[in-house]
Amino acid sequence: MEVLNRIYVEVVGPKKRNQVRVFGLGVAWVDVPGIVTKQRGISREVKYLREAYEAHKQAIAVVEEKVTRMMHEVNEKAENMKREPESNKRRI
């Protein structure tokens, strides 16, 4: 791989001021499609992680709301069950 890089530099010349060789003046690495620099790759990865985190956070909020609602329903049913034997005793 090192040999290929040396040959490429000999043919097209050395890199100057962070320009992309063979693409002309004013073209930076971010302008070339398909080239991912390390920083851009990391930035993209961080973006995906943030999106995943937000999606998980929303899903957890929905589940917590459902659990709270279910606990409320269970507590109501338990109270009703406690009251039923007392009302049956009064009828007898």
N, C-alpha and C. Protein backbone atom coordinates (compact mmCIF):
# COMPACT_ATOMS: atom_id res chain seq x y z
N MET A 1 0.83 -1.19 0.00
CA MET A 1 0.00 0.00 0.00
C MET A 1 0.87 1.26 0.00
N GLU A 2 1.96 1.22 0.75
CA GLU A 2 2.88 2.35 0.82
C GLU A 2 3.46 2.66 -0.56
N VAL A 3 3.76 1.63 -1.34
CA VAL A 3 4.32 1.83 -2.68
C VAL A 3 3.30 2.54 -3.57
N LEU A 4 2.03 2.14 -3.48
CA LEU A 4 0.98 2.79 -4.27
C LEU A 4 0.85 4.26 -3.92
N ASN A 5 0.93 4.56 -2.64
CA ASN A 5 0.85 5.96 -2.21
C ASN A 5 2.02 6.78 -2.75
N ARG A 6 3.23 6.20 -2.73
CA ARG A 6 4.40 6.91 -3.25
C ARG A 6 4.26 7.18 -4.76
N ILE A 7 3.81 6.18 -5.48
CA ILE A 7 3.63 6.34 -6.92
C ILE A 7 2.59 7.41 -7.20
N TYR A 8 1.48 7.37 -6.46
CA TYR A 8 0.41 8.36 -6.65
C TYR A 8 0.94 9.77 -6.42
N VAL A 9 1.72 9.97 -5.35
CA VAL A 9 2.27 11.29 -5.04
C VAL A 9 3.24 11.72 -6.13
N GLU A 10 4.03 10.78 -6.66
CA GLU A 10 4.97 11.13 -7.73
C GLU A 10 4.23 11.57 -8.99
N VAL A 11 3.08 10.94 -9.29
CA VAL A 11 2.35 11.26 -10.51
C VAL A 11 1.58 12.57 -10.38
N VAL A 12 0.82 12.72 -9.32
CA VAL A 12 -0.06 13.89 -9.20
C VAL A 12 0.53 15.02 -8.36
N GLY A 13 1.60 14.76 -7.67
CA GLY A 13 2.24 15.79 -6.86
C GLY A 13 1.81 15.72 -5.41
N PRO A 14 2.55 16.41 -4.54
CA PRO A 14 2.23 16.37 -3.11
C PRO A 14 0.97 17.17 -2.78
N LYS A 15 0.42 16.86 -1.65
CA LYS A 15 -0.78 17.56 -1.16
C LYS A 15 -0.38 18.95 -0.70
N LYS A 16 -1.22 19.96 -1.03
CA LYS A 16 -0.93 21.34 -0.63
C LYS A 16 -2.12 21.93 0.11
N ARG A 17 -1.88 22.49 1.25
CA ARG A 17 -2.89 23.22 2.03
C ARG A 17 -4.22 22.49 2.14
N ASN A 18 -4.18 21.23 2.44
CA ASN A 18 -5.37 20.41 2.66
C ASN A 18 -6.31 20.36 1.44
N GLN A 19 -5.73 20.46 0.24
CA GLN A 19 -6.53 20.34 -0.98
C GLN A 19 -6.55 18.89 -1.45
N VAL A 20 -7.57 18.54 -2.18
CA VAL A 20 -7.68 17.20 -2.73
C VAL A 20 -6.98 17.20 -4.08
N ARG A 21 -5.99 16.34 -4.21
CA ARG A 21 -5.23 16.28 -5.46
C ARG A 21 -6.12 15.86 -6.61
N VAL A 22 -5.86 16.38 -7.79
CA VAL A 22 -6.51 16.05 -9.05
C VAL A 22 -7.88 16.70 -9.19
N PHE A 23 -8.44 17.27 -8.15
CA PHE A 23 -9.76 17.88 -8.23
C PHE A 23 -9.70 19.38 -8.48
N GLY A 24 -8.54 19.97 -8.46
CA GLY A 24 -8.41 21.38 -8.74
C GLY A 24 -8.42 22.23 -7.48
N LEU A 25 -8.29 23.54 -7.71
CA LEU A 25 -8.24 24.47 -6.58
C LEU A 25 -9.61 24.66 -5.94
N GLY A 26 -9.63 24.88 -4.66
CA GLY A 26 -10.87 25.19 -3.96
C GLY A 26 -11.68 23.98 -3.53
N VAL A 27 -11.24 22.79 -3.86
CA VAL A 27 -11.97 21.57 -3.48
C VAL A 27 -11.34 21.03 -2.21
N ALA A 28 -12.17 20.85 -1.20
CA ALA A 28 -11.71 20.28 0.07
C ALA A 28 -12.22 18.85 0.19
N TRP A 29 -11.71 18.15 1.17
CA TRP A 29 -12.10 16.74 1.36
C TRP A 29 -13.61 16.59 1.56
N VAL A 30 -14.22 17.53 2.23
CA VAL A 30 -15.66 17.42 2.49
C VAL A 30 -16.49 17.60 1.23
N ASP A 31 -15.91 18.17 0.17
CA ASP A 31 -16.63 18.39 -1.08
C ASP A 31 -16.66 17.16 -1.98
N VAL A 32 -15.83 16.19 -1.70
CA VAL A 32 -15.73 15.00 -2.56
C VAL A 32 -16.65 13.91 -2.01
N PRO A 33 -17.66 13.49 -2.80
CA PRO A 33 -18.55 12.44 -2.31
C PRO A 33 -17.81 11.11 -2.18
N GLY A 34 -18.17 10.39 -1.16
CA GLY A 34 -17.59 9.07 -0.96
C GLY A 34 -16.35 9.06 -0.10
N ILE A 35 -15.77 10.23 0.16
CA ILE A 35 -14.59 10.31 1.02
C ILE A 35 -15.05 10.70 2.41
N VAL A 36 -14.69 9.90 3.38
CA VAL A 36 -15.07 10.18 4.76
C VAL A 36 -13.79 10.38 5.55
N THR A 37 -13.62 11.57 6.08
CA THR A 37 -12.47 11.81 6.94
C THR A 37 -12.80 11.29 8.33
N LYS A 38 -11.80 11.13 9.13
CA LYS A 38 -12.02 10.59 10.47
C LYS A 38 -12.97 11.46 11.27
N GLN A 39 -12.79 12.77 11.20
CA GLN A 39 -13.65 13.65 11.98
C GLN A 39 -15.09 13.56 11.51
N ARG A 40 -15.30 13.53 10.20
CA ARG A 40 -16.65 13.43 9.68
C ARG A 40 -17.26 12.10 10.08
N GLY A 41 -16.45 11.03 10.03
CA GLY A 41 -16.96 9.72 10.43
C GLY A 41 -17.37 9.71 11.89
N ILE A 42 -16.55 10.32 12.72
CA ILE A 42 -16.86 10.38 14.14
C ILE A 42 -18.10 11.24 14.36
N SER A 43 -18.16 12.37 13.64
CA SER A 43 -19.32 13.24 13.78
C SER A 43 -20.60 12.51 13.38
N ARG A 44 -20.52 11.75 12.30
CA ARG A 44 -21.68 10.99 11.83
C ARG A 44 -22.07 9.94 12.87
N GLU A 45 -21.06 9.28 13.43
CA GLU A 45 -21.33 8.26 14.44
C GLU A 45 -21.98 8.88 15.68
N VAL A 46 -21.48 10.04 16.09
CA VAL A 46 -22.07 10.73 17.24
C VAL A 46 -23.51 11.12 16.94
N LYS A 47 -23.75 11.57 15.72
CA LYS A 47 -25.12 11.95 15.32
C LYS A 47 -26.04 10.74 15.43
N TYR A 48 -25.61 9.59 14.91
CA TYR A 48 -26.43 8.38 14.99
C TYR A 48 -26.66 7.96 16.44
N LEU A 49 -25.61 8.07 17.26
CA LEU A 49 -25.76 7.71 18.67
C LEU A 49 -26.74 8.64 19.37
N ARG A 50 -26.69 9.93 19.05
CA ARG A 50 -27.64 10.87 19.65
C ARG A 50 -29.06 10.55 19.22
N GLU A 51 -29.25 10.25 17.93
CA GLU A 51 -30.59 9.91 17.44
C GLU A 51 -31.10 8.64 18.12
N ALA A 52 -30.23 7.65 18.25
CA ALA A 52 -30.63 6.41 18.91
C ALA A 52 -30.97 6.66 20.37
N TYR A 53 -30.16 7.52 21.03
CA TYR A 53 -30.41 7.85 22.43
C TYR A 53 -31.77 8.52 22.59
N GLU A 54 -32.07 9.48 21.71
CA GLU A 54 -33.36 10.17 21.79
C GLU A 54 -34.52 9.20 21.54
N ALA A 55 -34.35 8.30 20.58
CA ALA A 55 -35.40 7.31 20.30
C ALA A 55 -35.62 6.40 21.51
N HIS A 56 -34.54 5.96 22.13
CA HIS A 56 -34.66 5.11 23.32
C HIS A 56 -35.29 5.88 24.48
N LYS A 57 -34.91 7.14 24.60
CA LYS A 57 -35.47 7.97 25.66
C LYS A 57 -36.98 8.13 25.49
N GLN A 58 -37.43 8.34 24.26
CA GLN A 58 -38.86 8.45 23.99
C GLN A 58 -39.57 7.13 24.25
N ALA A 59 -38.95 6.02 23.84
CA ALA A 59 -39.56 4.71 24.06
C ALA A 59 -39.67 4.43 25.56
N ILE A 60 -38.67 4.79 26.32
CA ILE A 60 -38.70 4.57 27.77
C ILE A 60 -39.80 5.42 28.39
N ALA A 61 -39.99 6.65 27.93
CA ALA A 61 -41.05 7.51 28.47
C ALA A 61 -42.42 6.90 28.20
N VAL A 62 -42.61 6.32 27.01
CA VAL A 62 -43.88 5.68 26.68
C VAL A 62 -44.12 4.48 27.58
N VAL A 63 -43.09 3.67 27.77
CA VAL A 63 -43.23 2.48 28.61
C VAL A 63 -43.49 2.88 30.06
N GLU A 64 -42.80 3.90 30.55
CA GLU A 64 -43.03 4.35 31.92
C GLU A 64 -44.46 4.84 32.10
N GLU A 65 -44.98 5.53 31.10
CA GLU A 65 -46.37 5.99 31.17
C GLU A 65 -47.34 4.82 31.22
N LYS A 66 -47.09 3.80 30.40
CA LYS A 66 -47.95 2.61 30.40
C LYS A 66 -47.89 1.90 31.75
N VAL A 67 -46.68 1.77 32.30
CA VAL A 67 -46.52 1.09 33.59
C VAL A 67 -47.25 1.86 34.68
N THR A 68 -47.14 3.18 34.67
CA THR A 68 -47.82 4.00 35.66
C THR A 68 -49.34 3.83 35.56
N ARG A 69 -49.83 3.82 34.32
CA ARG A 69 -51.27 3.65 34.10
C ARG A 69 -51.72 2.26 34.57
N MET A 70 -50.93 1.24 34.27
CA MET A 70 -51.28 -0.12 34.68
C MET A 70 -51.26 -0.25 36.20
N MET A 71 -50.27 0.35 36.86
CA MET A 71 -50.20 0.30 38.32
C MET A 71 -51.41 1.00 38.93
N HIS A 72 -51.82 2.08 38.34
CA HIS A 72 -53.01 2.79 38.82
C HIS A 72 -54.25 1.89 38.69
N GLU A 73 -54.38 1.21 37.55
CA GLU A 73 -55.51 0.31 37.35
C GLU A 73 -55.48 -0.85 38.34
N VAL A 74 -54.30 -1.40 38.58
CA VAL A 74 -54.17 -2.51 39.52
C VAL A 74 -54.54 -2.05 40.93
N ASN A 75 -54.10 -0.87 41.31
CA ASN A 75 -54.43 -0.35 42.63
C ASN A 75 -55.94 -0.14 42.77
N GLU A 76 -56.59 0.36 41.72
CA GLU A 76 -58.04 0.54 41.75
C GLU A 76 -58.75 -0.81 41.90
N LYS A 77 -58.30 -1.81 41.15
CA LYS A 77 -58.92 -3.14 41.24
C LYS A 77 -58.72 -3.74 42.63
N ALA A 78 -57.54 -3.53 43.20
CA ALA A 78 -57.27 -4.05 44.54
C ALA A 78 -58.19 -3.39 45.57
N GLU A 79 -58.39 -2.09 45.43
CA GLU A 79 -59.31 -1.39 46.33
C GLU A 79 -60.73 -1.90 46.17
N ASN A 80 -61.14 -2.13 44.93
CA ASN A 80 -62.49 -2.66 44.68
C ASN A 80 -62.65 -4.05 45.27
N MET A 81 -61.61 -4.87 45.17
CA MET A 81 -61.69 -6.23 45.72
C MET A 81 -61.77 -6.18 47.25
N LYS A 82 -61.09 -5.22 47.86
CA LYS A 82 -61.16 -5.08 49.32
C LYS A 82 -62.56 -4.65 49.74
N ARG A 83 -63.20 -3.83 48.96
CA ARG A 83 -64.54 -3.34 49.29
C ARG A 83 -65.61 -4.39 49.07
N GLU A 84 -65.43 -5.29 48.12
CA GLU A 84 -66.46 -6.30 47.81
C GLU A 84 -66.79 -7.21 48.99
N PRO A 85 -65.82 -7.77 49.69
CA PRO A 85 -66.19 -8.61 50.83
C PRO A 85 -66.95 -7.85 51.91
N GLU A 86 -66.62 -6.58 52.11
CA GLU A 86 -67.33 -5.78 53.10
C GLU A 86 -68.77 -5.56 52.68
N SER A 87 -69.01 -5.33 51.40
CA SER A 87 -70.38 -5.11 50.93
C SER A 87 -71.16 -6.42 50.97
N ASN A 88 -70.49 -7.56 50.73
CA ASN A 88 -71.18 -8.87 50.83
C ASN A 88 -71.57 -9.16 52.27
N LYS A 89 -70.75 -8.81 53.24
CA LYS A 89 -71.06 -9.03 54.64
C LYS A 89 -72.27 -8.19 55.05
N ARG A 90 -72.39 -7.01 54.57
CA ARG A 90 -73.51 -6.14 54.90
C ARG A 90 -74.81 -6.71 54.35
N ARG A 91 -74.79 -7.36 53.22
CA ARG A 91 -75.99 -7.92 52.62
C ARG A 91 -76.51 -9.11 53.42
N ILE A 92 -75.61 -9.84 54.06
CA ILE A 92 -76.02 -11.04 54.80
C ILE A 92 -76.61 -10.66 56.08
